[in-house]
């Protein structure tokens, strides 16, 4: 049996209708596409889901829809195990600890089985402030919590010693490491207990992170190719590095083009080209520049993704 929150989880985009509302049928359709492709867990309302532009009610509704789709797939043989529902790790983070706790409770009521909580941004807490922030969140819920460290976006880095302190709290079960610093990630892996999950927050670093003890990835490219990303991680898990590297090499252009401009602009443009959603963003996110769009479309053609728009690759 797979340990929950290991393998490949997709940081889901949030599709919008042409008038800017959340597109509820598209949310369920995209979640089912993920499950049918064999994704291991689903991560709505993160950065890729444009969560800062969603209201609290919208975030709750997105999670409800994803949870409902995962539950409806239970027993169908789809997803991470025969008869097993694909678990949902809901985003709930921010710079005000009290508001984050309220958001966690809302995600719990919406049916999420775990919480991904980004570090406080803008106010730059100390390492002790980060520890106290996450301890307060953990004390407020029985749900498992995964810390999300992405200093390039938050201006705040959770240092390995702080992760090690947090790992001693029973329901803080892992970290999504998107620092881009392999020395730091290796240090985290060396400091934490064996059952504490270190997940890559960058698609392109998934295999290096797993090579030093990581247990998978929370993926952007999973939106486009959930099946192939899952198979790449599964190959690494069973020690078939030749197969894992082959998939990594094939998907590398997609992993990199997804960040030619700020996430999630490129991935939503790609998914629109694949016929998976309407290309609608909420400000301050906008469509990629023309030159970026041409590069995105070339990668899709090279990977035969445009021709397979309806397939769950």
C-alpha atoms as a PDB file:
ATOM      1  CA  UNK A   1       0.000   0.000   0.000  1.00  0.00           C
ATOM      2  CA  UNK A   2       1.217   3.484  -0.856  1.00  0.00           C
ATOM      3  CA  UNK A   3       1.918   5.854   2.020  1.00  0.00           C
ATOM      4  CA  UNK A   4      -0.345   8.880   1.719  1.00  0.00           C
ATOM      5  CA  UNK A   5       1.256  11.998   0.208  1.00  0.00           C
ATOM      6  CA  UNK A   6       4.009  10.043  -1.511  1.00  0.00           C
ATOM      7  CA  UNK A   7       4.457   9.727  -5.261  1.00  0.00           C
ATOM      8  CA  UNK A   8       3.138  12.388  -7.618  1.00  0.00           C
ATOM      9  CA  UNK A   9       0.541  14.909  -6.544  1.00  0.00           C
ATOM     10  CA  UNK A  10      -0.687  17.518  -9.006  1.00  0.00           C
ATOM     11  CA  UNK A  11      -0.897  21.159  -7.959  1.00  0.00           C
ATOM     12  CA  UNK A  12      -4.174  21.727  -9.771  1.00  0.00           C
ATOM     13  CA  UNK A  13      -4.947  24.798 -11.829  1.00  0.00           C
ATOM     14  CA  UNK A  14      -8.266  26.509 -11.170  1.00  0.00           C
ATOM     15  CA  UNK A  15     -10.298  26.819 -14.388  1.00  0.00           C
ATOM     16  CA  UNK A  16     -12.487  29.880 -14.761  1.00  0.00           C
ATOM     17  CA  UNK A  17     -15.456  30.588 -16.998  1.00  0.00           C
ATOM     18  CA  UNK A  18     -15.326  33.396 -19.547  1.00  0.00           C
ATOM     19  CA  UNK A  19     -17.060  35.708 -17.065  1.00  0.00           C
ATOM     20  CA  UNK A  20     -14.392  34.966 -14.434  1.00  0.00           C
ATOM     21  CA  UNK A  21     -16.292  32.600 -12.130  1.00  0.00           C
ATOM     22  CA  UNK A  22     -14.822  29.277 -11.047  1.00  0.00           C
ATOM     23  CA  UNK A  23     -15.738  26.672 -13.665  1.00  0.00           C
ATOM     24  CA  UNK A  24     -17.260  23.912 -11.550  1.00  0.00           C
ATOM     25  CA  UNK A  25     -17.792  21.322 -14.319  1.00  0.00           C
ATOM     26  CA  UNK A  26     -14.208  21.862 -15.523  1.00  0.00           C
ATOM     27  CA  UNK A  27     -12.855  21.433 -11.994  1.00  0.00           C
ATOM     28  CA  UNK A  28     -14.531  18.044 -11.706  1.00  0.00           C
ATOM     29  CA  UNK A  29     -13.547  17.046 -15.240  1.00  0.00           C
ATOM     30  CA  UNK A  30      -9.891  17.887 -14.671  1.00  0.00           C
ATOM     31  CA  UNK A  31      -9.861  16.098 -11.316  1.00  0.00           C
ATOM     32  CA  UNK A  32     -11.310  12.974 -12.948  1.00  0.00           C
ATOM     33  CA  UNK A  33      -8.715  13.167 -15.736  1.00  0.00           C
ATOM     34  CA  UNK A  34      -6.021  13.132 -13.059  1.00  0.00           C
ATOM     35  CA  UNK A  35      -7.529  10.177 -11.242  1.00  0.00           C
ATOM     36  CA  UNK A  36      -8.023   8.175 -14.424  1.00  0.00           C
ATOM     37  CA  UNK A  37      -4.360   8.762 -15.317  1.00  0.00           C
ATOM     38  CA  UNK A  38      -3.184   7.242 -12.024  1.00  0.00           C
ATOM     39  CA  UNK A  39      -2.162  10.335 -10.060  1.00  0.00           C
ATOM     40  CA  UNK A  40      -1.341   9.600  -6.410  1.00  0.00           C
ATOM     41  CA  UNK A  41      -2.912  12.653  -4.757  1.00  0.00           C
ATOM     42  CA  UNK A  42      -4.509  15.978  -5.685  1.00  0.00           C
ATOM     43  CA  UNK A  43      -3.519  19.444  -4.480  1.00  0.00           C
ATOM     44  CA  UNK A  44      -6.133  22.160  -5.104  1.00  0.00           C
ATOM     45  CA  UNK A  45      -5.869  25.800  -4.049  1.00  0.00           C
ATOM     46  CA  UNK A  46      -2.113  26.200  -4.163  1.00  0.00           C
ATOM     47  CA  UNK A  47      -0.055  28.732  -6.088  1.00  0.00           C
ATOM     48  CA  UNK A  48      -0.823  26.951  -9.368  1.00  0.00           C
ATOM     49  CA  UNK A  49      -4.513  27.222  -8.498  1.00  0.00           C
ATOM     50  CA  UNK A  50      -4.276  31.037  -8.253  1.00  0.00           C
ATOM     51  CA  UNK A  51      -5.401  30.737  -4.639  1.00  0.00           C
ATOM     52  CA  UNK A  52      -4.500  34.336  -3.677  1.00  0.00           C
ATOM     53  CA  UNK A  53      -7.194  35.536  -6.095  1.00  0.00           C
ATOM     54  CA  UNK A  54      -9.875  33.154  -4.809  1.00  0.00           C
ATOM     55  CA  UNK A  55     -12.252  34.141  -2.040  1.00  0.00           C
ATOM     56  CA  UNK A  56     -12.509  31.961   1.031  1.00  0.00           C
ATOM     57  CA  UNK A  57     -15.857  30.623  -0.212  1.00  0.00           C
ATOM     58  CA  UNK A  58     -14.365  29.852  -3.630  1.00  0.00           C
ATOM     59  CA  UNK A  59     -11.419  27.997  -2.121  1.00  0.00           C
ATOM     60  CA  UNK A  60     -13.771  25.916  -0.011  1.00  0.00           C
ATOM     61  CA  UNK A  61     -15.952  25.180  -3.049  1.00  0.00           C
ATOM     62  CA  UNK A  62     -12.994  24.131  -5.217  1.00  0.00           C
ATOM     63  CA  UNK A  63     -11.882  21.669  -2.543  1.00  0.00           C
ATOM     64  CA  UNK A  64     -15.421  20.342  -2.132  1.00  0.00           C
ATOM     65  CA  UNK A  65     -15.610  19.659  -5.867  1.00  0.00           C
ATOM     66  CA  UNK A  66     -12.231  17.911  -6.000  1.00  0.00           C
ATOM     67  CA  UNK A  67     -13.056  15.822  -2.915  1.00  0.00           C
ATOM     68  CA  UNK A  68     -16.408  14.849  -4.420  1.00  0.00           C
ATOM     69  CA  UNK A  69     -14.801  13.742  -7.674  1.00  0.00           C
ATOM     70  CA  UNK A  70     -12.176  11.720  -5.832  1.00  0.00           C
ATOM     71  CA  UNK A  71     -14.876  10.066  -3.738  1.00  0.00           C
ATOM     72  CA  UNK A  72     -16.968   9.246  -6.811  1.00  0.00           C
ATOM     73  CA  UNK A  73     -13.962   7.485  -8.348  1.00  0.00           C
ATOM     74  CA  UNK A  74     -13.454   5.268  -5.288  1.00  0.00           C
ATOM     75  CA  UNK A  75     -13.935   1.644  -6.156  1.00  0.00           C
ATOM     76  CA  UNK A  76     -13.605   2.254  -9.886  1.00  0.00           C
ATOM     77  CA  UNK A  77     -10.031   0.997  -9.972  1.00  0.00           C
ATOM     78  CA  UNK A  78      -8.811   4.475 -10.937  1.00  0.00           C
ATOM     79  CA  UNK A  79      -6.151   6.353  -9.066  1.00  0.00           C
ATOM     80  CA  UNK A  80      -3.469   5.278  -6.629  1.00  0.00           C
ATOM     81  CA  UNK A  81      -4.824   1.863  -5.720  1.00  0.00           C
ATOM     82  CA  UNK A  82      -7.657  -0.538  -6.507  1.00  0.00           C
ATOM     83  CA  UNK A  83     -10.747   0.698  -4.692  1.00  0.00           C
ATOM     84  CA  UNK A  84      -8.836   3.557  -3.019  1.00  0.00           C
ATOM     85  CA  UNK A  85      -9.957   7.165  -3.193  1.00  0.00           C
ATOM     86  CA  UNK A  86      -7.248   9.575  -4.308  1.00  0.00           C
ATOM     87  CA  UNK A  87      -6.535  11.791  -1.273  1.00  0.00           C
ATOM     88  CA  UNK A  88      -6.828  15.577  -1.408  1.00  0.00           C
ATOM     89  CA  UNK A  89      -4.178  17.881   0.072  1.00  0.00           C
ATOM     90  CA  UNK A  90      -5.745  21.332   0.206  1.00  0.00           C
ATOM     91  CA  UNK A  91      -3.808  24.582   0.179  1.00  0.00           C
ATOM     92  CA  UNK A  92      -4.298  26.797   3.236  1.00  0.00           C
ATOM     93  CA  UNK A  93      -1.572  29.326   3.945  1.00  0.00           C
ATOM     94  CA  UNK A  94      -0.938  32.998   4.493  1.00  0.00           C
ATOM     95  CA  UNK A  95       0.798  35.606   6.610  1.00  0.00           C
ATOM     96  CA  UNK A  96      -1.746  35.819   9.464  1.00  0.00           C
ATOM     97  CA  UNK A  97      -1.670  32.692  11.617  1.00  0.00           C
ATOM     98  CA  UNK A  98      -5.230  33.207  12.876  1.00  0.00           C
ATOM     99  CA  UNK A  99      -6.590  33.472   9.330  1.00  0.00           C
ATOM    100  CA  UNK A 100      -4.623  30.397   8.264  1.00  0.00           C
ATOM    101  CA  UNK A 101      -6.165  28.410  11.113  1.00  0.00           C
ATOM    102  CA  UNK A 102      -9.624  29.511   9.962  1.00  0.00           C
ATOM    103  CA  UNK A 103      -8.749  28.431   6.416  1.00  0.00           C
ATOM    104  CA  UNK A 104      -7.530  25.050   7.672  1.00  0.00           C
ATOM    105  CA  UNK A 105     -10.836  24.502   9.460  1.00  0.00           C
ATOM    106  CA  UNK A 106     -12.716  25.398   6.265  1.00  0.00           C
ATOM    107  CA  UNK A 107     -10.662  22.892   4.265  1.00  0.00           C
ATOM    108  CA  UNK A 108     -11.324  20.270   6.917  1.00  0.00           C
ATOM    109  CA  UNK A 109     -15.075  20.878   6.627  1.00  0.00           C
ATOM    110  CA  UNK A 110     -14.774  20.667   2.834  1.00  0.00           C
ATOM    111  CA  UNK A 111     -13.461  17.127   3.178  1.00  0.00           C
ATOM    112  CA  UNK A 112      -9.717  17.534   2.585  1.00  0.00           C
ATOM    113  CA  UNK A 113      -7.571  14.775   4.044  1.00  0.00           C
ATOM    114  CA  UNK A 114      -4.498  16.974   4.505  1.00  0.00           C
ATOM    115  CA  UNK A 115      -3.225  20.555   4.372  1.00  0.00           C
ATOM    116  CA  UNK A 116      -0.430  22.131   2.346  1.00  0.00           C
ATOM    117  CA  UNK A 117       0.487  25.395   4.058  1.00  0.00           C
ATOM    118  CA  UNK A 118       2.834  27.897   2.458  1.00  0.00           C
ATOM    119  CA  UNK A 119       5.156  29.885   4.694  1.00  0.00           C
ATOM    120  CA  UNK A 120       4.003  33.359   5.711  1.00  0.00           C
ATOM    121  CA  UNK A 121       4.938  35.808   2.983  1.00  0.00           C
ATOM    122  CA  UNK A 122       5.800  39.505   3.024  1.00  0.00           C
ATOM    123  CA  UNK A 123       6.168  39.865   6.817  1.00  0.00           C
ATOM    124  CA  UNK A 124       9.359  37.717   6.938  1.00  0.00           C
ATOM    125  CA  UNK A 125       9.102  35.944  10.309  1.00  0.00           C
ATOM    126  CA  UNK A 126      12.167  34.632  12.106  1.00  0.00           C
ATOM    127  CA  UNK A 127      12.865  30.895  12.239  1.00  0.00           C
ATOM    128  CA  UNK A 128      11.266  30.757  15.683  1.00  0.00           C
ATOM    129  CA  UNK A 129       8.290  32.681  14.329  1.00  0.00           C
ATOM    130  CA  UNK A 130       7.928  30.075  11.576  1.00  0.00           C
ATOM    131  CA  UNK A 131       8.096  27.269  14.125  1.00  0.00           C
ATOM    132  CA  UNK A 132       5.452  28.912  16.337  1.00  0.00           C
ATOM    133  CA  UNK A 133       3.242  29.593  13.281  1.00  0.00           C
ATOM    134  CA  UNK A 134       3.211  25.962  12.190  1.00  0.00           C
ATOM    135  CA  UNK A 135       2.888  24.648  15.720  1.00  0.00           C
ATOM    136  CA  UNK A 136      -0.214  26.790  16.224  1.00  0.00           C
ATOM    137  CA  UNK A 137      -1.710  25.443  12.997  1.00  0.00           C
ATOM    138  CA  UNK A 138      -0.899  21.865  13.981  1.00  0.00           C
ATOM    139  CA  UNK A 139      -2.454  22.371  17.408  1.00  0.00           C
ATOM    140  CA  UNK A 140      -5.673  23.566  15.765  1.00  0.00           C
ATOM    141  CA  UNK A 141      -6.383  20.438  13.696  1.00  0.00           C
ATOM    142  CA  UNK A 142      -5.925  16.694  13.531  1.00  0.00           C
ATOM    143  CA  UNK A 143      -5.258  16.810   9.785  1.00  0.00           C
ATOM    144  CA  UNK A 144      -1.726  16.065   8.553  1.00  0.00           C
ATOM    145  CA  UNK A 145       0.149  19.184   7.485  1.00  0.00           C
ATOM    146  CA  UNK A 146       2.832  19.574   4.847  1.00  0.00           C
ATOM    147  CA  UNK A 147       4.947  22.719   5.082  1.00  0.00           C
ATOM    148  CA  UNK A 148       5.435  24.505   1.757  1.00  0.00           C
ATOM    149  CA  UNK A 149       8.810  26.217   1.479  1.00  0.00           C
ATOM    150  CA  UNK A 150       9.095  28.439  -1.599  1.00  0.00           C
ATOM    151  CA  UNK A 151      11.358  31.372  -0.699  1.00  0.00           C
ATOM    152  CA  UNK A 152      11.458  32.668  -4.278  1.00  0.00           C
ATOM    153  CA  UNK A 153       7.808  33.637  -3.913  1.00  0.00           C
ATOM    154  CA  UNK A 154       7.502  34.332  -0.187  1.00  0.00           C
ATOM    155  CA  UNK A 155      10.828  35.969   0.654  1.00  0.00           C
ATOM    156  CA  UNK A 156      11.046  33.545   3.576  1.00  0.00           C
ATOM    157  CA  UNK A 157      13.127  30.356   3.792  1.00  0.00           C
ATOM    158  CA  UNK A 158      12.448  27.553   6.281  1.00  0.00           C
ATOM    159  CA  UNK A 159      15.908  26.397   7.277  1.00  0.00           C
ATOM    160  CA  UNK A 160      16.708  22.682   7.725  1.00  0.00           C
ATOM    161  CA  UNK A 161      17.049  23.022  11.494  1.00  0.00           C
ATOM    162  CA  UNK A 162      13.539  24.478  11.668  1.00  0.00           C
ATOM    163  CA  UNK A 163      12.129  21.675   9.507  1.00  0.00           C
ATOM    164  CA  UNK A 164      13.772  19.201  11.887  1.00  0.00           C
ATOM    165  CA  UNK A 165      12.065  20.918  14.845  1.00  0.00           C
ATOM    166  CA  UNK A 166       8.709  20.841  13.048  1.00  0.00           C
ATOM    167  CA  UNK A 167       9.141  17.154  12.210  1.00  0.00           C
ATOM    168  CA  UNK A 168       8.835  16.383  15.928  1.00  0.00           C
ATOM    169  CA  UNK A 169       5.208  17.605  15.874  1.00  0.00           C
ATOM    170  CA  UNK A 170       3.003  14.567  15.276  1.00  0.00           C
ATOM    171  CA  UNK A 171       0.737  15.924  12.534  1.00  0.00           C
ATOM    172  CA  UNK A 172       3.381  17.900  10.640  1.00  0.00           C
ATOM    173  CA  UNK A 173       4.240  15.066   8.283  1.00  0.00           C
ATOM    174  CA  UNK A 174       6.322  16.578   5.510  1.00  0.00           C
ATOM    175  CA  UNK A 175       7.669  19.482   3.525  1.00  0.00           C
ATOM    176  CA  UNK A 176       7.241  20.554  -0.076  1.00  0.00           C
ATOM    177  CA  UNK A 177      10.719  21.876  -0.814  1.00  0.00           C
ATOM    178  CA  UNK A 178      10.819  24.464  -3.581  1.00  0.00           C
ATOM    179  CA  UNK A 179      13.907  26.365  -2.485  1.00  0.00           C
ATOM    180  CA  UNK A 180      15.809  25.126  -5.541  1.00  0.00           C
ATOM    181  CA  UNK A 181      18.796  24.527  -3.267  1.00  0.00           C
ATOM    182  CA  UNK A 182      19.870  20.880  -3.433  1.00  0.00           C
ATOM    183  CA  UNK A 183      22.368  21.309  -0.594  1.00  0.00           C
ATOM    184  CA  UNK A 184      19.542  22.521   1.635  1.00  0.00           C
ATOM    185  CA  UNK A 185      17.196  19.739   0.519  1.00  0.00           C
ATOM    186  CA  UNK A 186      19.849  17.089   1.138  1.00  0.00           C
ATOM    187  CA  UNK A 187      20.418  18.602   4.589  1.00  0.00           C
ATOM    188  CA  UNK A 188      16.680  18.383   5.314  1.00  0.00           C
ATOM    189  CA  UNK A 189      16.608  14.730   4.244  1.00  0.00           C
ATOM    190  CA  UNK A 190      19.564  13.981   6.526  1.00  0.00           C
ATOM    191  CA  UNK A 191      18.001  15.689   9.559  1.00  0.00           C
ATOM    192  CA  UNK A 192      14.394  14.438   9.550  1.00  0.00           C
ATOM    193  CA  UNK A 193      13.055  11.038  10.695  1.00  0.00           C
ATOM    194  CA  UNK A 194      12.607   8.350   8.011  1.00  0.00           C
ATOM    195  CA  UNK A 195       8.809   8.692   8.003  1.00  0.00           C
ATOM    196  CA  UNK A 196       8.891  12.480   7.472  1.00  0.00           C
ATOM    197  CA  UNK A 197       8.111  13.200   3.820  1.00  0.00           C
ATOM    198  CA  UNK A 198      10.322  15.435   1.719  1.00  0.00           C
ATOM    199  CA  UNK A 199       8.618  16.270  -1.580  1.00  0.00           C
ATOM    200  CA  UNK A 200      10.082  18.187  -4.480  1.00  0.00           C
ATOM    201  CA  UNK A 201       8.323  21.445  -5.259  1.00  0.00           C
ATOM    202  CA  UNK A 202      10.015  21.688  -8.660  1.00  0.00           C
ATOM    203  CA  UNK A 203       9.284  19.164 -11.421  1.00  0.00           C
ATOM    204  CA  UNK A 204      12.795  19.383 -12.805  1.00  0.00           C
ATOM    205  CA  UNK A 205      14.351  18.534  -9.427  1.00  0.00           C
ATOM    206  CA  UNK A 206      12.146  15.531  -8.675  1.00  0.00           C
ATOM    207  CA  UNK A 207      14.724  12.861  -9.456  1.00  0.00           C
ATOM    208  CA  UNK A 208      17.626  14.582  -7.656  1.00  0.00           C
ATOM    209  CA  UNK A 209      15.412  15.078  -4.589  1.00  0.00           C
ATOM    210  CA  UNK A 210      14.297  11.446  -4.633  1.00  0.00           C
ATOM    211  CA  UNK A 211      17.907  10.330  -5.030  1.00  0.00           C
ATOM    212  CA  UNK A 212      18.762  11.883  -1.638  1.00  0.00           C
ATOM    213  CA  UNK A 213      15.689  10.573   0.157  1.00  0.00           C
ATOM    214  CA  UNK A 214      12.695  12.515  -1.173  1.00  0.00           C
ATOM    215  CA  UNK A 215       9.398  10.697  -1.594  1.00  0.00           C
ATOM    216  CA  UNK A 216       7.932  12.362  -4.672  1.00  0.00           C
ATOM    217  CA  UNK A 217       6.763  15.672  -6.090  1.00  0.00           C
ATOM    218  CA  UNK A 218       3.927  18.158  -6.008  1.00  0.00           C
ATOM    219  CA  UNK A 219       3.854  18.834  -9.704  1.00  0.00           C
ATOM    220  CA  UNK A 220       2.836  21.549 -12.138  1.00  0.00           C
ATOM    221  CA  UNK A 221       3.497  19.389 -15.222  1.00  0.00           C
ATOM    222  CA  UNK A 222       1.088  16.859 -13.747  1.00  0.00           C
ATOM    223  CA  UNK A 223      -1.696  19.126 -14.982  1.00  0.00           C
ATOM    224  CA  UNK A 224      -0.684  18.366 -18.558  1.00  0.00           C
ATOM    225  CA  UNK A 225       0.795  14.855 -18.259  1.00  0.00           C
ATOM    226  CA  UNK A 226      -0.405  13.249 -14.998  1.00  0.00           C
ATOM    227  CA  UNK A 227       0.207   9.721 -16.232  1.00  0.00           C
ATOM    228  CA  UNK A 228       3.779  10.271 -17.342  1.00  0.00           C
ATOM    229  CA  UNK A 229       4.724  12.242 -14.238  1.00  0.00           C
ATOM    230  CA  UNK A 230       3.276   9.473 -12.057  1.00  0.00           C
ATOM    231  CA  UNK A 231       5.160   6.806 -13.978  1.00  0.00           C
ATOM    232  CA  UNK A 232       8.416   8.747 -13.682  1.00  0.00           C
ATOM    233  CA  UNK A 233       8.079   8.922  -9.905  1.00  0.00           C
ATOM    234  CA  UNK A 234       7.024   5.281  -9.654  1.00  0.00           C
ATOM    235  CA  UNK A 235      10.114   4.237 -11.629  1.00  0.00           C
ATOM    236  CA  UNK A 236      12.339   6.158  -9.208  1.00  0.00           C
ATOM    237  CA  UNK A 237      10.523   4.624  -6.227  1.00  0.00           C
ATOM    238  CA  UNK A 238      11.273   1.094  -7.415  1.00  0.00           C
ATOM    239  CA  UNK A 239      14.884   1.985  -8.246  1.00  0.00           C
ATOM    240  CA  UNK A 240      14.464   1.835 -12.032  1.00  0.00           C
ATOM    241  CA  UNK A 241      16.530   4.949 -12.620  1.00  0.00           C
ATOM    242  CA  UNK A 242      17.017   4.214 -16.307  1.00  0.00           C
ATOM    243  CA  UNK A 243      13.260   4.385 -16.911  1.00  0.00           C
ATOM    244  CA  UNK A 244      12.923   7.396 -14.591  1.00  0.00           C
ATOM    245  CA  UNK A 245      15.676   9.283 -16.399  1.00  0.00           C
ATOM    246  CA  UNK A 246      14.145   8.495 -19.786  1.00  0.00           C
ATOM    247  CA  UNK A 247      10.821  10.003 -18.728  1.00  0.00           C
ATOM    248  CA  UNK A 248      12.599  12.942 -17.124  1.00  0.00           C
ATOM    249  CA  UNK A 249      14.471  13.617 -20.371  1.00  0.00           C
ATOM    250  CA  UNK A 250      11.284  13.416 -22.414  1.00  0.00           C
ATOM    251  CA  UNK A 251       9.360  15.759 -20.096  1.00  0.00           C
ATOM    252  CA  UNK A 252      12.198  18.178 -19.364  1.00  0.00           C
ATOM    253  CA  UNK A 253      11.142  20.691 -22.073  1.00  0.00           C
ATOM    254  CA  UNK A 254       7.634  20.783 -20.604  1.00  0.00           C
ATOM    255  CA  UNK A 255       8.915  21.091 -17.039  1.00  0.00           C
ATOM    256  CA  UNK A 256      10.982  24.118 -18.017  1.00  0.00           C
ATOM    257  CA  UNK A 257       8.543  25.826 -20.402  1.00  0.00           C
ATOM    258  CA  UNK A 258       5.916  25.829 -17.644  1.00  0.00           C
ATOM    259  CA  UNK A 259       8.072  28.471 -15.950  1.00  0.00           C
ATOM    260  CA  UNK A 260       8.972  30.591 -18.973  1.00  0.00           C
ATOM    261  CA  UNK A 261       6.722  33.139 -17.256  1.00  0.00           C
ATOM    262  CA  UNK A 262       5.150  33.163 -13.807  1.00  0.00           C
ATOM    263  CA  UNK A 263       3.248  30.014 -12.881  1.00  0.00           C
ATOM    264  CA  UNK A 264       0.417  29.266 -13.667  1.00  0.00           C
ATOM    265  CA  UNK A 265       0.283  31.386 -16.818  1.00  0.00           C
ATOM    266  CA  UNK A 266       2.211  28.980 -19.087  1.00  0.00           C
ATOM    267  CA  UNK A 267       0.538  25.803 -17.849  1.00  0.00           C
ATOM    268  CA  UNK A 268      -2.940  27.267 -18.299  1.00  0.00           C
ATOM    269  CA  UNK A 269      -2.028  28.452 -21.789  1.00  0.00           C
ATOM    270  CA  UNK A 270      -0.783  24.951 -22.586  1.00  0.00           C
ATOM    271  CA  UNK A 271      -3.910  23.307 -21.194  1.00  0.00           C
ATOM    272  CA  UNK A 272      -6.094  25.653 -23.218  1.00  0.00           C
ATOM    273  CA  UNK A 273      -4.181  24.680 -26.351  1.00  0.00           C
ATOM    274  CA  UNK A 274      -4.770  21.026 -25.404  1.00  0.00           C
ATOM    275  CA  UNK A 275      -8.507  21.716 -25.178  1.00  0.00           C
ATOM    276  CA  UNK A 276      -8.702  21.099 -21.453  1.00  0.00           C
ATOM    277  CA  UNK A 277      -9.970  24.498 -20.263  1.00  0.00           C
ATOM    278  CA  UNK A 278     -10.728  28.070 -21.315  1.00  0.00           C
ATOM    279  CA  UNK A 279      -7.674  30.284 -20.991  1.00  0.00           C
ATOM    280  CA  UNK A 280      -8.952  32.657 -18.337  1.00  0.00           C
ATOM    281  CA  UNK A 281      -6.886  34.150 -15.517  1.00  0.00           C
ATOM    282  CA  UNK A 282      -7.553  36.522 -12.666  1.00  0.00           C
ATOM    283  CA  UNK A 283      -5.465  39.633 -12.416  1.00  0.00           C
ATOM    284  CA  UNK A 284      -2.632  40.099 -11.806  1.00  0.00           C
ATOM    285  CA  UNK A 285      -2.123  36.890 -13.830  1.00  0.00           C
ATOM    286  CA  UNK A 286      -2.404  37.463 -17.588  1.00  0.00           C
ATOM    287  CA  UNK A 287      -1.830  35.518 -20.803  1.00  0.00           C
ATOM    288  CA  UNK A 288       1.788  34.756 -21.704  1.00  0.00           C
ATOM    289  CA  UNK A 289       3.551  37.009 -24.198  1.00  0.00           C
ATOM    290  CA  UNK A 290       3.342  36.006 -27.844  1.00  0.00           C
ATOM    291  CA  UNK A 291       6.954  34.826 -27.950  1.00  0.00           C
ATOM    292  CA  UNK A 292       6.387  32.657 -24.866  1.00  0.00           C
ATOM    293  CA  UNK A 293       3.197  31.253 -26.323  1.00  0.00           C
ATOM    294  CA  UNK A 294       5.030  30.183 -29.478  1.00  0.00           C
ATOM    295  CA  UNK A 295       7.607  28.339 -27.373  1.00  0.00           C
ATOM    296  CA  UNK A 296       4.886  26.656 -25.295  1.00  0.00           C
ATOM    297  CA  UNK A 297       3.061  25.504 -28.408  1.00  0.00           C
ATOM    298  CA  UNK A 298       6.267  24.139 -29.916  1.00  0.00           C
ATOM    299  CA  UNK A 299       6.893  21.999 -26.838  1.00  0.00           C
ATOM    300  CA  UNK A 300       3.329  20.693 -26.996  1.00  0.00           C
ATOM    301  CA  UNK A 301       3.802  19.747 -30.633  1.00  0.00           C
ATOM    302  CA  UNK A 302       7.140  18.089 -29.938  1.00  0.00           C
ATOM    303  CA  UNK A 303       5.548  15.957 -27.205  1.00  0.00           C
ATOM    304  CA  UNK A 304       2.489  15.210 -29.352  1.00  0.00           C
ATOM    305  CA  UNK A 305       0.272  16.697 -26.637  1.00  0.00           C
ATOM    306  CA  UNK A 306      -1.799  18.892 -28.911  1.00  0.00           C
ATOM    307  CA  UNK A 307      -2.736  15.864 -31.021  1.00  0.00           C
ATOM    308  CA  UNK A 308      -3.693  13.993 -27.853  1.00  0.00           C
ATOM    309  CA  UNK A 309      -5.729  16.794 -26.257  1.00  0.00           C
ATOM    310  CA  UNK A 310      -8.338  14.460 -24.830  1.00  0.00           C
ATOM    311  CA  UNK A 311      -5.956  11.836 -23.568  1.00  0.00           C
ATOM    312  CA  UNK A 312      -4.800  11.507 -19.967  1.00  0.00           C
ATOM    313  CA  UNK A 313      -1.101  11.019 -20.657  1.00  0.00           C
END
